[in-house]
Amino acid sequence: MPTTKFFQSTRKIIGAGVNYKEILRLTNAAKPDAPVIFFKPISSLLDAADASAPPAIRIPRVFGGVINFEAELGVIIGRRCANVTADQAAAYIGGYCLALDMTGMDFILDARPKGLPWCLGKGFDTSTPVSRVVSRAELPHPDDVRVWCDVNGVRKQDDSTRNLIFPIAELIAYVSRYMTLEENDLLLTGTPAGAGPVRHGDVIECGLGEGLVTMRCTVADDE
C-alpha cells in the first residue's frame, strides 16, 4: 500500500493506552479489564516516511509543560469490519507502520483524576508521525516485533509486542464491537515502558525490529 494513499484516505486514528506488561510491573498496577481506547484527529498525522529527511514535531505555543514521546506499532485496517472476533481479526489487517504518539502530559495528568477527556493532549498538529507502510509480507509476525526508541542517541524504549497486554487481534475485536473500522484506519497498539519528555532541539529515532523500518523526527517549538 503506498504511503500517500494511506495519508489521503485515513479516517480515524485509534490509540490503546497502558498496553505493555512492563508498565504494569513498574507501576504496580492491576491489569485493565478492557483496553483503554482514545482517539487522535487526522490533522495530527505527520509524514515521516523518509528517514533521511526528518520532519519537525511542532510543540504548540499554548503547551507550557511536558511533551512525551511514545513509540508504537501501528496497524492499518485493510477493509471495513464490524463485530469481528479475535480469530477473524487478522483477515482485516492491511499493513503496519511505525508511529509516535506525542502526548501533552499536562493535559493528561490534569484530566485523568477528574475523569475528563484528554484529547487536547493527544491531538495537536504533528503529534502522530508515521513511517512508510509496512506490508504484511514484510512483517509476518507482528505479535513478536521489537519496538524501540532513542532520544538524542540514548535508548529510552525497547520491548516486543509479544508483551502487549491486549494483542493486536484482541484490540481489533474489541474496538470493532463499538464502531465500524474502515479501510486505512490506523490503530496504535500502545507504547513500551520508558516514554518520557522531549524539548526543542531533541532528535527522536525509533524503529521496528532489526532494521525493518526506522523513523527520525526533530522537536521544535511552533513558530
C-alpha atoms as a PDB file:
ATOM      1  CA  MET A   1       0.000   0.000   0.000  1.00  0.00           C
ATOM      2  CA  PRO A   2       1.548   3.370  -0.966  1.00  0.00           C
ATOM      3  CA  THR A   3       2.082   5.708   1.987  1.00  0.00           C
ATOM      4  CA  THR A   4       0.440   8.575   0.090  1.00  0.00           C
ATOM      5  CA  LYS A   5      -2.770   6.566  -0.298  1.00  0.00           C
ATOM      6  CA  PHE A   6      -2.778   5.828   3.412  1.00  0.00           C
ATOM      7  CA  PHE A   7      -2.448   9.539   4.248  1.00  0.00           C
ATOM      8  CA  GLN A   8      -5.149  10.559   1.811  1.00  0.00           C
ATOM      9  CA  SER A   9      -7.759   8.082   2.971  1.00  0.00           C
ATOM     10  CA  THR A  10      -7.256   7.556   6.716  1.00  0.00           C
ATOM     11  CA  ARG A  11     -10.478   8.484   8.503  1.00  0.00           C
ATOM     12  CA  LYS A  12      -9.648   7.853  12.148  1.00  0.00           C
ATOM     13  CA  ILE A  13      -6.740   7.172  14.464  1.00  0.00           C
ATOM     14  CA  ILE A  14      -7.479   4.941  17.446  1.00  0.00           C
ATOM     15  CA  GLY A  15      -4.976   4.545  20.271  1.00  0.00           C
ATOM     16  CA  ALA A  16      -4.591   1.952  23.021  1.00  0.00           C
ATOM     17  CA  GLY A  17      -3.177   3.175  26.315  1.00  0.00           C
ATOM     18  CA  VAL A  18      -1.312   1.281  29.050  1.00  0.00           C
ATOM     19  CA  ASN A  19      -0.874  -1.851  26.949  1.00  0.00           C
ATOM     20  CA  TYR A  20       2.565  -3.264  27.878  1.00  0.00           C
ATOM     21  CA  LYS A  21       3.067  -5.649  30.790  1.00  0.00           C
ATOM     22  CA  GLU A  22       6.253  -3.910  31.931  1.00  0.00           C
ATOM     23  CA  ILE A  23       4.305  -0.709  32.595  1.00  0.00           C
ATOM     24  CA  LEU A  24       2.021  -2.606  34.967  1.00  0.00           C
ATOM     25  CA  ARG A  25       5.030  -4.107  36.731  1.00  0.00           C
ATOM     26  CA  LEU A  26       6.768  -0.755  37.157  1.00  0.00           C
ATOM     27  CA  THR A  27       3.644   0.987  38.436  1.00  0.00           C
ATOM     28  CA  ASN A  28       2.346  -1.981  40.460  1.00  0.00           C
ATOM     29  CA  ALA A  29      -0.982  -1.560  38.681  1.00  0.00           C
ATOM     30  CA  ALA A  30      -3.629  -4.181  38.040  1.00  0.00           C
ATOM     31  CA  LYS A  31      -4.295  -5.441  34.524  1.00  0.00           C
ATOM     32  CA  PRO A  32      -7.108  -3.411  32.928  1.00  0.00           C
ATOM     33  CA  ASP A  33     -10.363  -5.291  32.441  1.00  0.00           C
ATOM     34  CA  ALA A  34     -10.529  -3.983  28.864  1.00  0.00           C
ATOM     35  CA  PRO A  35      -8.321  -1.967  26.515  1.00  0.00           C
ATOM     36  CA  VAL A  36      -8.022   1.749  27.250  1.00  0.00           C
ATOM     37  CA  ILE A  37      -9.058   3.408  23.980  1.00  0.00           C
ATOM     38  CA  PHE A  38      -8.665   7.013  22.841  1.00  0.00           C
ATOM     39  CA  PHE A  39      -8.792   8.954  19.574  1.00  0.00           C
ATOM     40  CA  LYS A  40      -6.461  11.283  17.726  1.00  0.00           C
ATOM     41  CA  PRO A  41      -7.564  13.586  14.882  1.00  0.00           C
ATOM     42  CA  ILE A  42      -6.399  13.048  11.322  1.00  0.00           C
ATOM     43  CA  SER A  43      -4.819  16.513  11.391  1.00  0.00           C
ATOM     44  CA  SER A  44      -2.264  15.161  13.879  1.00  0.00           C
ATOM     45  CA  LEU A  45      -0.643  12.943  11.196  1.00  0.00           C
ATOM     46  CA  LEU A  46       2.926  13.808  10.169  1.00  0.00           C
ATOM     47  CA  ASP A  47       4.587  12.068   7.218  1.00  0.00           C
ATOM     48  CA  ALA A  48       7.923  10.748   8.494  1.00  0.00           C
ATOM     49  CA  ALA A  49       8.360   8.048   5.864  1.00  0.00           C
ATOM     50  CA  ASP A  50      11.701   9.430   4.659  1.00  0.00           C
ATOM     51  CA  ALA A  51      14.159   8.751   7.494  1.00  0.00           C
ATOM     52  CA  SER A  52      16.853  10.768   5.691  1.00  0.00           C
ATOM     53  CA  ALA A  53      14.760  13.948   5.886  1.00  0.00           C
ATOM     54  CA  PRO A  54      13.370  14.062   9.437  1.00  0.00           C
ATOM     55  CA  PRO A  55      10.284  16.264   9.797  1.00  0.00           C
ATOM     56  CA  ALA A  56       9.710  18.517  12.801  1.00  0.00           C
ATOM     57  CA  ILE A  57       7.230  17.751  15.534  1.00  0.00           C
ATOM     58  CA  ARG A  58       5.884  21.188  16.431  1.00  0.00           C
ATOM     59  CA  ILE A  59       5.113  21.891  20.084  1.00  0.00           C
ATOM     60  CA  PRO A  60       2.146  24.290  20.250  1.00  0.00           C
ATOM     61  CA  ARG A  61       2.798  27.618  21.945  1.00  0.00           C
ATOM     62  CA  VAL A  62      -0.125  27.023  24.296  1.00  0.00           C
ATOM     63  CA  PHE A  63       1.715  23.984  25.703  1.00  0.00           C
ATOM     64  CA  GLY A  64       3.760  25.222  28.593  1.00  0.00           C
ATOM     65  CA  GLY A  65       4.502  21.828  30.062  1.00  0.00           C
ATOM     66  CA  VAL A  66       5.916  18.414  29.241  1.00  0.00           C
ATOM     67  CA  ILE A  67       5.602  16.696  25.843  1.00  0.00           C
ATOM     68  CA  ASN A  68       6.266  12.942  25.930  1.00  0.00           C
ATOM     69  CA  PHE A  69       7.404  10.645  23.115  1.00  0.00           C
ATOM     70  CA  GLU A  70       5.718   7.240  22.745  1.00  0.00           C
ATOM     71  CA  ALA A  71       6.894   4.828  20.033  1.00  0.00           C
ATOM     72  CA  GLU A  72       4.311   2.297  18.854  1.00  0.00           C
ATOM     73  CA  LEU A  73       3.455  -0.334  16.296  1.00  0.00           C
ATOM     74  CA  GLY A  74       0.597   0.929  14.146  1.00  0.00           C
ATOM     75  CA  VAL A  75      -1.886  -1.431  12.498  1.00  0.00           C
ATOM     76  CA  ILE A  76      -3.566  -0.285   9.289  1.00  0.00           C
ATOM     77  CA  ILE A  77      -7.021  -1.698   8.697  1.00  0.00           C
ATOM     78  CA  GLY A  78      -7.298  -3.289   5.248  1.00  0.00           C
ATOM     79  CA  ARG A  79     -11.057  -3.428   4.789  1.00  0.00           C
ATOM     80  CA  ARG A  80     -14.272  -2.496   6.522  1.00  0.00           C
ATOM     81  CA  CYS A  81     -15.172  -4.575   9.548  1.00  0.00           C
ATOM     82  CA  ALA A  82     -17.540  -4.567  12.495  1.00  0.00           C
ATOM     83  CA  ASN A  83     -18.145  -7.028  15.309  1.00  0.00           C
ATOM     84  CA  VAL A  84     -15.304  -9.312  14.317  1.00  0.00           C
ATOM     85  CA  THR A  85     -13.814 -11.889  16.653  1.00  0.00           C
ATOM     86  CA  ALA A  86     -10.157 -12.072  17.603  1.00  0.00           C
ATOM     87  CA  ASP A  87      -9.836 -15.166  15.391  1.00  0.00           C
ATOM     88  CA  GLN A  88     -11.177 -13.193  12.420  1.00  0.00           C
ATOM     89  CA  ALA A  89      -9.193 -10.002  13.048  1.00  0.00           C
ATOM     90  CA  ALA A  90      -6.029 -10.845  11.076  1.00  0.00           C
ATOM     91  CA  ALA A  91      -8.035 -11.038   7.844  1.00  0.00           C
ATOM     92  CA  TYR A  92      -8.851  -7.325   8.170  1.00  0.00           C
ATOM     93  CA  ILE A  93      -5.268  -6.075   8.559  1.00  0.00           C
ATOM     94  CA  GLY A  94      -3.910  -4.282   5.501  1.00  0.00           C
ATOM     95  CA  GLY A  95      -0.435  -3.473   6.782  1.00  0.00           C
ATOM     96  CA  TYR A  96       1.552  -1.833   9.526  1.00  0.00           C
ATOM     97  CA  CYS A  97       3.608   1.241  10.303  1.00  0.00           C
ATOM     98  CA  LEU A  98       5.826   2.692  12.982  1.00  0.00           C
ATOM     99  CA  ALA A  99       4.273   5.633  14.807  1.00  0.00           C
ATOM    100  CA  LEU A 100       4.986   8.152  17.512  1.00  0.00           C
ATOM    101  CA  ASP A 101       2.128   9.141  19.794  1.00  0.00           C
ATOM    102  CA  MET A 102       3.309  12.523  21.076  1.00  0.00           C
ATOM    103  CA  THR A 103       1.488  13.496  24.245  1.00  0.00           C
ATOM    104  CA  GLY A 104       0.983  16.728  26.149  1.00  0.00           C
ATOM    105  CA  MET A 105       1.311  15.362  29.667  1.00  0.00           C
ATOM    106  CA  ASP A 106      -0.085  18.432  31.448  1.00  0.00           C
ATOM    107  CA  PHE A 107      -3.475  17.784  29.845  1.00  0.00           C
ATOM    108  CA  ILE A 108      -3.360  14.087  30.673  1.00  0.00           C
ATOM    109  CA  LEU A 109      -2.311  14.460  34.308  1.00  0.00           C
ATOM    110  CA  ASP A 110      -4.892  17.170  34.939  1.00  0.00           C
ATOM    111  CA  ALA A 111      -7.806  15.443  33.200  1.00  0.00           C
ATOM    112  CA  ARG A 112      -7.421  11.832  34.345  1.00  0.00           C
ATOM    113  CA  PRO A 113      -8.038  12.358  38.089  1.00  0.00           C
ATOM    114  CA  LYS A 114     -11.129  14.406  37.230  1.00  0.00           C
ATOM    115  CA  GLY A 115     -12.482  11.800  34.823  1.00  0.00           C
ATOM    116  CA  LEU A 116     -12.349  14.333  31.987  1.00  0.00           C
ATOM    117  CA  PRO A 117     -11.349  13.792  28.333  1.00  0.00           C
ATOM    118  CA  TRP A 118      -7.708  14.396  27.458  1.00  0.00           C
ATOM    119  CA  CYS A 119      -7.972  14.697  23.668  1.00  0.00           C
ATOM    120  CA  LEU A 120      -6.149  18.059  23.544  1.00  0.00           C
ATOM    121  CA  GLY A 121      -3.064  16.390  24.978  1.00  0.00           C
ATOM    122  CA  LYS A 122      -3.110  13.795  22.182  1.00  0.00           C
ATOM    123  CA  GLY A 123      -4.450  15.731  19.234  1.00  0.00           C
ATOM    124  CA  PHE A 124      -2.188  18.650  18.423  1.00  0.00           C
ATOM    125  CA  ASP A 125      -0.884  19.062  14.874  1.00  0.00           C
ATOM    126  CA  THR A 126       2.168  16.842  14.097  1.00  0.00           C
ATOM    127  CA  SER A 127       1.553  14.697  17.203  1.00  0.00           C
ATOM    128  CA  THR A 128       1.306  11.463  15.166  1.00  0.00           C
ATOM    129  CA  PRO A 129       4.394  10.958  12.984  1.00  0.00           C
ATOM    130  CA  VAL A 130       4.173   7.756  10.952  1.00  0.00           C
ATOM    131  CA  SER A 131       6.670   5.784   8.887  1.00  0.00           C
ATOM    132  CA  ARG A 132       6.230   4.223   5.479  1.00  0.00           C
ATOM    133  CA  VAL A 133       3.630   1.498   5.240  1.00  0.00           C
ATOM    134  CA  VAL A 134       4.994  -1.959   6.093  1.00  0.00           C
ATOM    135  CA  SER A 135       3.317  -4.800   4.216  1.00  0.00           C
ATOM    136  CA  ARG A 136       2.019  -7.948   5.875  1.00  0.00           C
ATOM    137  CA  ALA A 137       4.656  -9.919   3.983  1.00  0.00           C
ATOM    138  CA  GLU A 138       7.426  -7.773   5.484  1.00  0.00           C
ATOM    139  CA  LEU A 139       6.084  -8.294   8.999  1.00  0.00           C
ATOM    140  CA  PRO A 140       4.749 -11.855   9.161  1.00  0.00           C
ATOM    141  CA  HIS A 141       4.897 -11.968  12.986  1.00  0.00           C
ATOM    142  CA  PRO A 142       3.501  -8.655  14.245  1.00  0.00           C
ATOM    143  CA  ASP A 143       2.825 -10.167  17.661  1.00  0.00           C
ATOM    144  CA  ASP A 144       6.563 -10.539  18.252  1.00  0.00           C
ATOM    145  CA  VAL A 145       8.371  -7.490  16.880  1.00  0.00           C
ATOM    146  CA  ARG A 146      10.696  -5.113  18.725  1.00  0.00           C
ATOM    147  CA  VAL A 147       9.602  -1.520  19.234  1.00  0.00           C
ATOM    148  CA  TRP A 148      12.469   0.772  20.239  1.00  0.00           C
ATOM    149  CA  CYS A 149      13.094   4.490  20.598  1.00  0.00           C
ATOM    150  CA  ASP A 150      16.186   6.670  21.125  1.00  0.00           C
ATOM    151  CA  VAL A 151      16.283  10.341  22.105  1.00  0.00           C
ATOM    152  CA  ASN A 152      19.488  12.172  21.200  1.00  0.00           C
ATOM    153  CA  GLY A 153      21.184   8.807  20.688  1.00  0.00           C
ATOM    154  CA  VAL A 154      20.181   7.365  24.083  1.00  0.00           C
ATOM    155  CA  ARG A 155      17.971   4.262  24.147  1.00  0.00           C
ATOM    156  CA  LYS A 156      14.736   5.003  26.025  1.00  0.00           C
ATOM    157  CA  GLN A 157      12.303   2.281  24.951  1.00  0.00           C
ATOM    158  CA  ASP A 158      12.882  -1.300  23.852  1.00  0.00           C
ATOM    159  CA  ASP A 159      10.298  -4.067  24.128  1.00  0.00           C
ATOM    160  CA  SER A 160       8.472  -6.618  21.999  1.00  0.00           C
ATOM    161  CA  THR A 161       4.824  -6.714  21.004  1.00  0.00           C
ATOM    162  CA  ARG A 162       4.732 -10.221  22.482  1.00  0.00           C
ATOM    163  CA  ASN A 163       4.439  -8.331  25.784  1.00  0.00           C
ATOM    164  CA  LEU A 164       1.276  -6.464  24.851  1.00  0.00           C
ATOM    165  CA  ILE A 165      -1.438  -6.872  27.466  1.00  0.00           C
ATOM    166  CA  PHE A 166      -4.086  -6.919  24.746  1.00  0.00           C
ATOM    167  CA  PRO A 167      -2.594  -8.311  21.497  1.00  0.00           C
ATOM    168  CA  ILE A 168      -3.425  -6.889  18.086  1.00  0.00           C
ATOM    169  CA  ALA A 169      -6.284  -9.292  17.352  1.00  0.00           C
ATOM    170  CA  GLU A 170      -7.947  -8.557  20.690  1.00  0.00           C
ATOM    171  CA  LEU A 171      -7.671  -4.807  20.127  1.00  0.00           C
ATOM    172  CA  ILE A 172      -9.292  -5.030  16.707  1.00  0.00           C
ATOM    173  CA  ALA A 173     -12.068  -7.271  18.001  1.00  0.00           C
ATOM    174  CA  TYR A 174     -12.733  -5.027  20.999  1.00  0.00           C
ATOM    175  CA  VAL A 175     -12.877  -1.761  19.055  1.00  0.00           C
ATOM    176  CA  SER A 176     -14.992  -3.306  16.285  1.00  0.00           C
ATOM    177  CA  ARG A 177     -17.700  -4.141  18.821  1.00  0.00           C
ATOM    178  CA  TYR A 178     -18.300  -0.436  19.340  1.00  0.00           C
ATOM    179  CA  MET A 179     -17.588   1.102  15.930  1.00  0.00           C
ATOM    180  CA  THR A 180     -17.030   0.104  12.334  1.00  0.00           C
ATOM    181  CA  LEU A 181     -13.386   0.054  11.339  1.00  0.00           C
ATOM    182  CA  GLU A 182     -12.783   1.279   7.821  1.00  0.00           C
ATOM    183  CA  GLU A 183     -10.062   0.809   5.233  1.00  0.00           C
ATOM    184  CA  ASN A 184      -6.877   2.687   6.195  1.00  0.00           C
ATOM    185  CA  ASP A 185      -7.988   3.441   9.751  1.00  0.00           C
ATOM    186  CA  LEU A 186      -4.920   3.459  11.985  1.00  0.00           C
ATOM    187  CA  LEU A 187      -4.830   1.539  15.268  1.00  0.00           C
ATOM    188  CA  LEU A 188      -1.944   2.400  17.617  1.00  0.00           C
ATOM    189  CA  THR A 189      -1.226  -0.606  19.810  1.00  0.00           C
ATOM    190  CA  GLY A 190       0.382   1.113  22.811  1.00  0.00           C
ATOM    191  CA  THR A 191       3.867   2.164  23.831  1.00  0.00           C
ATOM    192  CA  PRO A 192       6.519   0.274  25.838  1.00  0.00           C
ATOM    193  CA  ALA A 193       7.795   1.446  29.211  1.00  0.00           C
ATOM    194  CA  GLY A 194      10.297   4.293  29.081  1.00  0.00           C
ATOM    195  CA  ALA A 195       8.272   7.059  27.434  1.00  0.00           C
ATOM    196  CA  GLY A 196       9.447  10.437  28.572  1.00  0.00           C
ATOM    197  CA  PRO A 197       9.786  14.147  27.855  1.00  0.00           C
ATOM    198  CA  VAL A 198      11.393  15.873  24.899  1.00  0.00           C
ATOM    199  CA  ARG A 199      12.046  19.533  24.222  1.00  0.00           C
ATOM    200  CA  HIS A 200      13.026  21.908  21.450  1.00  0.00           C
ATOM    201  CA  GLY A 201      16.092  20.656  19.585  1.00  0.00           C
ATOM    202  CA  ASP A 202      15.818  16.982  20.558  1.00  0.00           C
ATOM    203  CA  VAL A 203      16.088  14.248  17.927  1.00  0.00           C
ATOM    204  CA  ILE A 204      13.860  11.181  18.207  1.00  0.00           C
ATOM    205  CA  GLU A 205      14.772   8.000  16.352  1.00  0.00           C
ATOM    206  CA  CYS A 206      12.652   4.878  16.619  1.00  0.00           C
ATOM    207  CA  GLY A 207      12.272   1.579  14.836  1.00  0.00           C
ATOM    208  CA  LEU A 208      10.572  -1.757  14.358  1.00  0.00           C
ATOM    209  CA  GLY A 209      12.528  -4.997  14.513  1.00  0.00           C
ATOM    210  CA  GLU A 210      16.130  -5.286  13.394  1.00  0.00           C
ATOM    211  CA  GLY A 211      16.203  -2.588  10.727  1.00  0.00           C
ATOM    212  CA  LEU A 212      12.760  -3.329   9.296  1.00  0.00           C
ATOM    213  CA  VAL A 213      11.810   0.339   9.422  1.00  0.00           C
ATOM    214  CA  THR A 214      13.223   3.380  11.214  1.00  0.00           C
ATOM    215  CA  MET A 215      11.914   6.881  11.667  1.00  0.00           C
ATOM    216  CA  ARG A 216      13.609  10.122  12.713  1.00  0.00           C
ATOM    217  CA  CYS A 217      11.954  13.341  13.841  1.00  0.00           C
ATOM    218  CA  THR A 218      13.193  16.574  15.333  1.00  0.00           C
ATOM    219  CA  VAL A 219      11.351  18.528  18.030  1.00  0.00           C
ATOM    220  CA  ALA A 220      10.744  22.246  17.626  1.00  0.00           C
ATOM    221  CA  ASP A 221       8.634  24.961  19.210  1.00  0.00           C
ATOM    222  CA  ASP A 222       5.802  26.036  16.934  1.00  0.00           C
ATOM    223  CA  GLU A 223       6.557  29.220  15.049  1.00  0.00           C
END
